[in-house]
């Protein structure tokens, strides 16, 4: 492990006013107003973000070090179900055995889930959920009713009206082995009986009307102030690169499944037309999390820098819709040093687990461009954990 991963601390750097002549004339109301605006911008830029430390969390890693049944999966979203229960949601999942650190006799299914009892994941507190075919082979837990492609789960939320899960419908497409897929549509699933065993869940689904290959919602969902805030992304292309920019929608918590009640953030206003939505943050990834951190009275955005990167980044905001501060690297994933074919992604926070108000548990996944490497090294393709400890609130 890179020694810098053992403990990484956020240290703020001083801000300096820009050099050169002021961009306004002498005297006059317009020049004075511009001067005040410039001061406000400088004041905002010089605010100190919360201070924190980040370190690996090996005892949580061990909870997903399984030798039979579920042996790996990516995505790794969590949803609080209440009654001291947490739902885990995974994308593509290995089911089989692990011998001498190697996956053997494995089947790769498109998704799975797990129920966690208590605040912390452990070997005993997790029960993994997937289906079985008549011949005994494992199968995905969530399956499209139209039989087209497969589902990868995004985030979800439980409200008094039920458990709502966001699902991406995917199908195969041309491309490198690890990226040969494309988005077909996005769905919202509603579980009427989330207190029952998942095998008895009754789920209805609606297609999200404004989701498409370049715009989707459900990367993160946050419940607060009587609203569900639904975060997503829109893709823009520049010089051959695809940039993901964050969009924000919200709906009354008791009308999340009524798409006519959704409103989209557009330059500070909540509007009904999704086409008017304005991105609030550039260069996020497809998977991220937004949560409230009470110890520092800030909302925290967690994501993998650039989508595929060795770095986990944070941004802070005073309100759930932003504006968001500049990204701060919090951790470097050491798995990228194991093999040049390994890449990391899916960084996100999990306020649903752990019980210390000044901490945030974060996961990411280490994958590989070579499928044989995933089978040969069972340490890959499962949640890896870090703990962020907030040590000091922001100075405003």
Protein backbone atom coordinates (compact mmCIF):
# COMPACT_ATOMS: atom_id res chain seq x y z
CA UNK A 1 0.00 0.00 0.00
CA UNK A 2 1.17 3.49 -0.79
CA UNK A 3 2.06 5.05 2.59
CA UNK A 4 0.17 8.22 1.68
CA UNK A 5 -3.05 6.17 1.84
CA UNK A 6 -2.66 5.38 5.50
CA UNK A 7 -3.80 8.83 6.55
CA UNK A 8 -4.65 11.72 4.25
CA UNK A 9 -5.58 15.08 5.72
CA UNK A 10 -7.29 18.05 4.08
CA UNK A 11 -5.23 21.19 4.57
CA UNK A 12 -6.51 24.47 3.17
CA UNK A 13 -4.26 26.78 1.23
CA UNK A 14 -4.46 30.57 1.57
CA UNK A 15 -6.28 32.51 -1.10
CA UNK A 16 -4.76 35.51 -2.80
CA UNK A 17 -6.46 38.32 -4.61
CA UNK A 18 -5.73 38.40 -8.35
CA UNK A 19 -2.86 40.60 -9.41
CA UNK A 20 -3.14 43.43 -11.92
CA UNK A 21 -5.32 46.48 -12.34
CA UNK A 22 -8.92 46.40 -11.12
CA UNK A 23 -11.39 45.76 -13.98
CA UNK A 24 -13.49 48.85 -13.23
CA UNK A 25 -13.19 52.59 -13.63
CA UNK A 26 -12.67 55.20 -10.96
CA UNK A 27 -15.75 56.14 -9.00
CA UNK A 28 -19.32 55.74 -10.17
CA UNK A 29 -22.09 53.40 -8.98
CA UNK A 30 -21.30 50.72 -11.58
CA UNK A 31 -17.65 50.49 -10.58
CA UNK A 32 -18.55 50.37 -6.90
CA UNK A 33 -21.10 47.57 -7.44
CA UNK A 34 -18.59 45.58 -9.45
CA UNK A 35 -16.05 46.07 -6.66
CA UNK A 36 -18.51 44.75 -4.06
CA UNK A 37 -19.30 41.77 -6.28
CA UNK A 38 -15.61 41.01 -6.67
CA UNK A 39 -15.13 41.15 -2.91
CA UNK A 40 -18.01 38.73 -2.40
CA UNK A 41 -16.54 36.33 -4.94
CA UNK A 42 -13.14 36.50 -3.27
CA UNK A 43 -14.71 35.96 0.14
CA UNK A 44 -16.52 32.88 -1.14
CA UNK A 45 -13.38 31.50 -2.76
CA UNK A 46 -11.37 31.99 0.43
CA UNK A 47 -13.76 30.16 2.74
CA UNK A 48 -12.02 27.25 4.38
CA UNK A 49 -13.65 23.84 3.77
CA UNK A 50 -14.16 21.41 6.64
CA UNK A 51 -11.03 19.59 7.76
CA UNK A 52 -10.95 15.80 7.75
CA UNK A 53 -8.79 12.70 7.69
CA UNK A 54 -9.25 9.60 5.53
CA UNK A 55 -8.01 6.09 6.16
CA UNK A 56 -8.70 2.51 5.01
CA UNK A 57 -11.30 0.48 6.87
CA UNK A 58 -10.13 -3.15 6.61
CA UNK A 59 -12.69 -4.64 8.98
CA UNK A 60 -15.46 -3.51 6.61
CA UNK A 61 -13.48 -4.88 3.64
CA UNK A 62 -13.49 -8.24 5.38
CA UNK A 63 -17.29 -8.33 5.43
CA UNK A 64 -17.29 -8.77 1.64
CA UNK A 65 -14.39 -11.24 1.51
CA UNK A 66 -16.62 -14.25 0.83
CA UNK A 67 -15.54 -17.76 -0.15
CA UNK A 68 -18.87 -19.08 -1.46
CA UNK A 69 -22.11 -17.75 -2.89
CA UNK A 70 -21.76 -14.01 -3.54
CA UNK A 71 -18.04 -13.38 -4.15
CA UNK A 72 -18.01 -9.93 -5.73
CA UNK A 73 -20.08 -7.15 -7.23
CA UNK A 74 -19.72 -3.50 -8.22
CA UNK A 75 -21.97 -0.47 -7.79
CA UNK A 76 -22.47 -0.93 -4.04
CA UNK A 77 -25.26 1.52 -3.22
CA UNK A 78 -26.92 1.51 0.20
CA UNK A 79 -30.48 2.44 1.17
CA UNK A 80 -31.79 2.72 4.73
CA UNK A 81 -34.84 0.48 5.13
CA UNK A 82 -35.60 1.33 8.76
CA UNK A 83 -35.82 -1.04 11.71
CA UNK A 84 -32.02 -1.18 11.75
CA UNK A 85 -31.85 -2.68 8.24
CA UNK A 86 -29.78 -1.52 5.25
CA UNK A 87 -30.22 -2.60 1.63
CA UNK A 88 -27.11 -3.04 -0.52
CA UNK A 89 -27.47 -2.90 -4.33
CA UNK A 90 -24.87 -4.32 -6.69
CA UNK A 91 -24.38 -4.37 -10.44
CA UNK A 92 -22.71 -7.31 -12.20
CA UNK A 93 -22.09 -9.97 -9.56
CA UNK A 94 -19.91 -13.06 -9.22
CA UNK A 95 -21.58 -16.12 -7.67
CA UNK A 96 -19.45 -19.18 -7.03
CA UNK A 97 -16.46 -20.09 -4.85
CA UNK A 98 -13.08 -18.65 -3.92
CA UNK A 99 -10.10 -20.96 -3.44
CA UNK A 100 -6.60 -19.74 -2.65
CA UNK A 101 -7.66 -16.18 -3.52
CA UNK A 102 -9.04 -17.17 -6.93
CA UNK A 103 -12.65 -17.27 -8.13
CA UNK A 104 -13.59 -20.73 -9.36
CA UNK A 105 -16.83 -22.19 -10.69
CA UNK A 106 -18.23 -18.66 -10.97
CA UNK A 107 -21.26 -17.33 -12.79
CA UNK A 108 -21.56 -13.63 -13.55
CA UNK A 109 -25.10 -12.30 -13.08
CA UNK A 110 -26.24 -8.75 -13.83
CA UNK A 111 -27.23 -7.62 -10.35
CA UNK A 112 -27.77 -8.68 -6.77
CA UNK A 113 -28.70 -7.26 -3.39
CA UNK A 114 -27.90 -7.81 0.26
CA UNK A 115 -29.64 -7.10 3.53
CA UNK A 116 -27.54 -5.80 6.39
CA UNK A 117 -28.76 -6.05 9.97
CA UNK A 118 -27.32 -3.39 12.26
CA UNK A 119 -25.11 -0.38 11.69
CA UNK A 120 -21.98 -2.16 10.42
CA UNK A 121 -21.44 -4.71 7.66
CA UNK A 122 -19.87 -7.97 8.79
CA UNK A 123 -19.73 -11.60 7.73
CA UNK A 124 -22.67 -12.34 10.04
CA UNK A 125 -24.77 -9.22 9.41
CA UNK A 126 -25.01 -9.56 5.60
CA UNK A 127 -27.40 -11.82 3.70
CA UNK A 128 -27.00 -11.74 -0.08
CA UNK A 129 -29.98 -11.97 -2.39
CA UNK A 130 -30.27 -13.20 -6.00
CA UNK A 131 -32.50 -15.62 -7.86
CA UNK A 132 -32.04 -19.21 -8.91
CA UNK A 133 -33.09 -20.74 -12.21
CA UNK A 134 -34.86 -24.11 -12.30
CA UNK A 135 -31.52 -25.79 -13.00
CA UNK A 136 -30.02 -24.18 -9.88
CA UNK A 137 -27.85 -21.63 -11.66
CA UNK A 138 -27.87 -18.11 -10.17
CA UNK A 139 -29.77 -15.29 -11.87
CA UNK A 140 -30.14 -11.54 -11.43
CA UNK A 141 -32.44 -10.33 -8.65
CA UNK A 142 -33.95 -7.47 -10.72
CA UNK A 143 -35.01 -8.37 -14.27
CA UNK A 144 -36.69 -6.27 -17.00
CA UNK A 145 -40.25 -7.37 -17.66
CA UNK A 146 -39.85 -6.75 -21.40
CA UNK A 147 -36.87 -9.13 -21.53
CA UNK A 148 -34.62 -6.51 -23.13
CA UNK A 149 -31.09 -6.39 -21.74
CA UNK A 150 -30.65 -6.23 -18.00
CA UNK A 151 -30.85 -3.91 -15.00
CA UNK A 152 -28.05 -2.24 -13.13
CA UNK A 153 -29.35 -0.70 -9.89
CA UNK A 154 -28.64 2.90 -9.05
CA UNK A 155 -29.59 4.53 -5.75
CA UNK A 156 -32.91 4.43 -3.93
CA UNK A 157 -34.83 5.86 -1.00
CA UNK A 158 -37.52 4.72 1.40
CA UNK A 159 -40.39 7.13 2.02
CA UNK A 160 -43.70 6.59 3.85
CA UNK A 161 -45.14 5.51 0.48
CA UNK A 162 -42.68 2.67 -0.06
CA UNK A 163 -39.18 1.82 -1.22
CA UNK A 164 -38.18 3.47 -4.50
CA UNK A 165 -35.27 2.11 -6.53
CA UNK A 166 -33.70 3.61 -9.66
CA UNK A 167 -32.76 1.06 -12.31
CA UNK A 168 -30.76 1.45 -15.51
CA UNK A 169 -31.82 -0.81 -18.37
CA UNK A 170 -28.70 -1.82 -20.27
CA UNK A 171 -27.98 -3.85 -23.38
CA UNK A 172 -24.84 -5.02 -25.08
CA UNK A 173 -23.03 -2.82 -27.60
CA UNK A 174 -19.75 -2.77 -29.45
CA UNK A 175 -16.75 -1.69 -27.42
CA UNK A 176 -13.88 -2.96 -25.27
CA UNK A 177 -14.66 -5.97 -23.12
CA UNK A 178 -15.15 -3.98 -19.91
CA UNK A 179 -17.25 -1.27 -21.61
CA UNK A 180 -19.33 -3.08 -24.25
CA UNK A 181 -22.76 -1.83 -23.19
CA UNK A 182 -25.18 1.04 -23.69
CA UNK A 183 -28.11 2.55 -21.80
CA UNK A 184 -31.58 1.69 -23.12
CA UNK A 185 -33.79 3.51 -20.60
CA UNK A 186 -34.12 4.37 -16.92
CA UNK A 187 -36.81 3.09 -14.57
CA UNK A 188 -38.16 3.74 -11.11
CA UNK A 189 -39.23 0.67 -9.19
CA UNK A 190 -41.59 0.92 -6.22
CA UNK A 191 -41.57 -1.84 -3.59
CA UNK A 192 -44.88 -1.85 -1.74
CA UNK A 193 -43.75 -4.16 1.07
CA UNK A 194 -40.08 -3.40 1.87
CA UNK A 195 -40.39 -4.85 5.40
CA UNK A 196 -40.92 -8.30 3.91
CA UNK A 197 -38.13 -10.64 2.83
CA UNK A 198 -36.85 -9.42 -0.58
CA UNK A 199 -37.89 -12.68 -2.23
CA UNK A 200 -41.49 -11.66 -1.46
CA UNK A 201 -41.20 -8.06 -2.56
CA UNK A 202 -43.97 -6.74 -4.79
CA UNK A 203 -42.51 -4.21 -7.22
CA UNK A 204 -44.14 -2.04 -9.83
CA UNK A 205 -42.05 -0.07 -12.35
CA UNK A 206 -42.40 3.15 -14.30
CA UNK A 207 -40.14 4.33 -17.07
CA UNK A 208 -38.64 7.72 -16.23
CA UNK A 209 -39.93 9.90 -19.08
CA UNK A 210 -36.94 12.22 -19.47
CA UNK A 211 -34.15 9.67 -19.16
CA UNK A 212 -32.06 8.77 -22.18
CA UNK A 213 -28.53 7.69 -23.08
CA UNK A 214 -27.04 11.11 -22.26
CA UNK A 215 -29.27 12.18 -19.36
CA UNK A 216 -30.33 10.14 -16.38
CA UNK A 217 -31.47 10.54 -12.79
CA UNK A 218 -30.94 8.33 -9.76
CA UNK A 219 -27.17 8.55 -9.23
CA UNK A 220 -28.03 9.66 -5.70
CA UNK A 221 -31.26 10.37 -3.81
CA UNK A 222 -31.49 12.49 -0.66
CA UNK A 223 -34.52 12.86 1.61
CA UNK A 224 -34.89 16.13 3.53
CA UNK A 225 -37.19 19.07 4.29
CA UNK A 226 -40.19 17.20 2.94
CA UNK A 227 -38.56 16.64 -0.47
CA UNK A 228 -36.67 13.95 -2.29
CA UNK A 229 -33.70 15.45 -4.09
CA UNK A 230 -32.85 13.30 -7.11
CA UNK A 231 -29.39 13.75 -8.58
CA UNK A 232 -28.31 12.72 -12.03
CA UNK A 233 -25.99 13.55 -14.89
CA UNK A 234 -26.04 14.93 -18.39
CA UNK A 235 -23.26 14.18 -20.88
CA UNK A 236 -21.55 16.85 -22.92
CA UNK A 237 -18.77 16.22 -25.42
CA UNK A 238 -15.68 18.36 -25.81
CA UNK A 239 -12.64 17.53 -27.94
CA UNK A 240 -13.55 13.85 -28.02
CA UNK A 241 -14.09 13.56 -24.26
CA UNK A 242 -17.42 13.04 -22.54
CA UNK A 243 -17.94 15.21 -19.47
CA UNK A 244 -20.60 14.35 -16.94
CA UNK A 245 -22.31 17.31 -15.31
CA UNK A 246 -24.62 17.08 -12.32
CA UNK A 247 -28.34 17.79 -12.60
CA UNK A 248 -30.70 18.15 -9.63
CA UNK A 249 -34.43 17.46 -9.46
CA UNK A 250 -36.74 17.38 -6.51
CA UNK A 251 -40.25 16.17 -5.71
CA UNK A 252 -42.41 16.14 -2.58
CA UNK A 253 -41.45 13.09 -0.55
CA UNK A 254 -44.98 11.71 -0.81
CA UNK A 255 -45.14 12.19 -4.60
CA UNK A 256 -41.83 10.80 -5.80
CA UNK A 257 -43.59 8.43 -8.19
CA UNK A 258 -45.69 11.27 -9.66
CA UNK A 259 -43.43 12.59 -12.39
CA UNK A 260 -45.67 15.65 -12.88
CA UNK A 261 -44.55 16.76 -9.40
CA UNK A 262 -40.85 16.75 -10.26
CA UNK A 263 -39.08 20.07 -10.61
CA UNK A 264 -35.62 20.70 -12.04
CA UNK A 265 -33.04 23.22 -10.90
CA UNK A 266 -32.39 25.94 -13.47
CA UNK A 267 -30.20 28.85 -12.38
CA UNK A 268 -31.63 28.88 -8.87
CA UNK A 269 -35.27 28.28 -9.86
CA UNK A 270 -37.23 25.02 -9.77
CA UNK A 271 -38.90 24.54 -13.17
CA UNK A 272 -41.19 21.86 -14.60
CA UNK A 273 -39.39 21.53 -17.95
CA UNK A 274 -36.42 19.18 -17.76
CA UNK A 275 -35.00 20.74 -20.94
CA UNK A 276 -34.39 23.94 -18.97
CA UNK A 277 -32.39 22.18 -16.26
CA UNK A 278 -28.94 23.71 -15.78
CA UNK A 279 -25.99 21.63 -14.51
CA UNK A 280 -24.81 22.59 -11.03
CA UNK A 281 -21.43 20.84 -11.03
CA UNK A 282 -18.97 19.81 -13.74
CA UNK A 283 -16.85 16.70 -14.11
CA UNK A 284 -18.64 14.32 -11.79
CA UNK A 285 -18.93 10.59 -12.43
CA UNK A 286 -21.91 8.41 -13.30
CA UNK A 287 -22.02 7.10 -9.73
CA UNK A 288 -21.73 9.43 -6.74
CA UNK A 289 -23.41 10.29 -3.46
CA UNK A 290 -24.80 13.39 -1.81
CA UNK A 291 -25.39 13.34 1.94
CA UNK A 292 -25.67 15.74 4.86
CA UNK A 293 -22.77 15.73 7.33
CA UNK A 294 -24.09 17.08 10.66
CA UNK A 295 -20.66 17.37 12.27
CA UNK A 296 -19.69 20.14 9.84
CA UNK A 297 -23.16 21.32 8.78
CA UNK A 298 -22.42 20.73 5.11
CA UNK A 299 -23.69 18.59 2.27
CA UNK A 300 -20.97 16.31 0.94
CA UNK A 301 -20.60 15.12 -2.65
CA UNK A 302 -18.39 12.01 -3.01
CA UNK A 303 -17.26 10.59 -6.36
CA UNK A 304 -14.38 9.04 -8.26
CA UNK A 305 -12.45 11.81 -9.95
CA UNK A 306 -13.07 11.65 -13.69
CA UNK A 307 -15.27 8.57 -13.34
CA UNK A 308 -12.32 6.16 -13.72
CA UNK A 309 -9.42 7.20 -11.52
CA UNK A 310 -7.29 6.28 -8.55
CA UNK A 311 -8.59 9.33 -6.66
CA UNK A 312 -11.70 9.78 -4.52
CA UNK A 313 -12.85 13.41 -4.39
CA UNK A 314 -15.16 15.48 -2.19
CA UNK A 315 -17.04 18.72 -2.69
CA UNK A 316 -19.00 20.66 -0.08
CA UNK A 317 -22.16 22.78 -0.20
CA UNK A 318 -24.44 24.55 2.24
CA UNK A 319 -27.61 23.40 0.49
CA UNK A 320 -28.55 20.11 -1.16
CA UNK A 321 -28.67 21.76 -4.58
CA UNK A 322 -25.35 23.57 -4.16
CA UNK A 323 -23.50 25.64 -5.21
CA UNK A 324 -20.67 23.18 -4.78
CA UNK A 325 -17.12 24.04 -3.79
CA UNK A 326 -13.99 22.98 -5.58
CA UNK A 327 -13.06 19.27 -5.58
CA UNK A 328 -10.70 18.03 -2.87
CA UNK A 329 -8.82 14.77 -3.29
CA UNK A 330 -9.36 12.69 -0.20
CA UNK A 331 -7.82 9.30 -1.01
CA UNK A 332 -5.70 7.45 -3.55
CA UNK A 333 -6.82 3.86 -4.25
CA UNK A 334 -3.77 1.59 -3.91
CA UNK A 335 -5.15 -1.19 -6.12
CA UNK A 336 -4.07 0.66 -9.27
CA UNK A 337 -0.48 -0.15 -8.32
CA UNK A 338 -1.12 -3.90 -8.32
CA UNK A 339 -1.44 -4.24 -12.08
CA UNK A 340 -1.60 -1.77 -15.01
CA UNK A 341 -4.91 -3.35 -16.13
CA UNK A 342 -6.67 -2.35 -12.89
CA UNK A 343 -8.84 0.75 -12.69
CA UNK A 344 -11.00 2.17 -9.89
CA UNK A 345 -14.45 3.73 -9.97
CA UNK A 346 -17.86 3.89 -8.21
CA UNK A 347 -16.72 6.07 -5.30
CA UNK A 348 -19.61 7.07 -3.03
CA UNK A 349 -20.50 7.78 0.59
CA UNK A 350 -22.78 5.70 2.81
CA UNK A 351 -24.40 7.72 5.60
CA UNK A 352 -26.67 4.70 6.15
CA UNK A 353 -23.86 2.71 7.79
CA UNK A 354 -21.65 3.45 10.76
CA UNK A 355 -22.91 5.27 13.82
CA UNK A 356 -20.48 8.15 14.46
CA UNK A 357 -21.92 11.55 13.46
CA UNK A 358 -18.48 12.92 12.59
CA UNK A 359 -17.64 10.08 10.18
CA UNK A 360 -18.65 9.14 6.65
CA UNK A 361 -18.04 5.65 5.28
CA UNK A 362 -17.00 5.62 1.60
CA UNK A 363 -16.66 2.73 -0.86
CA UNK A 364 -15.12 2.29 -4.28
CA UNK A 365 -14.50 -0.69 -6.57
CA UNK A 366 -11.31 -1.91 -8.25
CA UNK A 367 -11.99 -3.56 -11.62
CA UNK A 368 -9.78 -4.79 -14.47
CA UNK A 369 -9.85 -4.59 -18.24
CA UNK A 370 -8.89 -8.29 -18.34
CA UNK A 371 -11.69 -10.62 -17.18
CA UNK A 372 -9.17 -13.36 -16.41
CA UNK A 373 -7.56 -11.06 -13.85
CA UNK A 374 -10.93 -10.64 -12.08
CA UNK A 375 -11.18 -14.40 -11.75
CA UNK A 376 -7.56 -14.78 -10.69
CA UNK A 377 -7.70 -12.15 -7.93
CA UNK A 378 -10.78 -12.23 -5.71
CA UNK A 379 -9.67 -9.05 -3.95
CA UNK A 380 -10.93 -7.20 -7.03
CA UNK A 381 -14.51 -6.40 -7.91
CA UNK A 382 -16.02 -5.89 -4.49
CA UNK A 383 -16.48 -2.86 -2.22
CA UNK A 384 -13.32 -1.39 -0.71
CA UNK A 385 -13.87 0.88 2.29
CA UNK A 386 -12.39 4.06 3.65
CA UNK A 387 -13.47 6.15 6.63
CA UNK A 388 -13.56 9.93 6.47
CA UNK A 389 -13.41 11.57 9.89
CA UNK A 390 -14.37 15.23 10.02
CA UNK A 391 -12.18 16.99 12.56
CA UNK A 392 -13.17 20.62 12.20
CA UNK A 393 -16.06 22.54 10.72
CA UNK A 394 -15.59 25.06 7.92
CA UNK A 395 -14.63 28.61 8.78
CA UNK A 396 -16.92 31.07 6.99
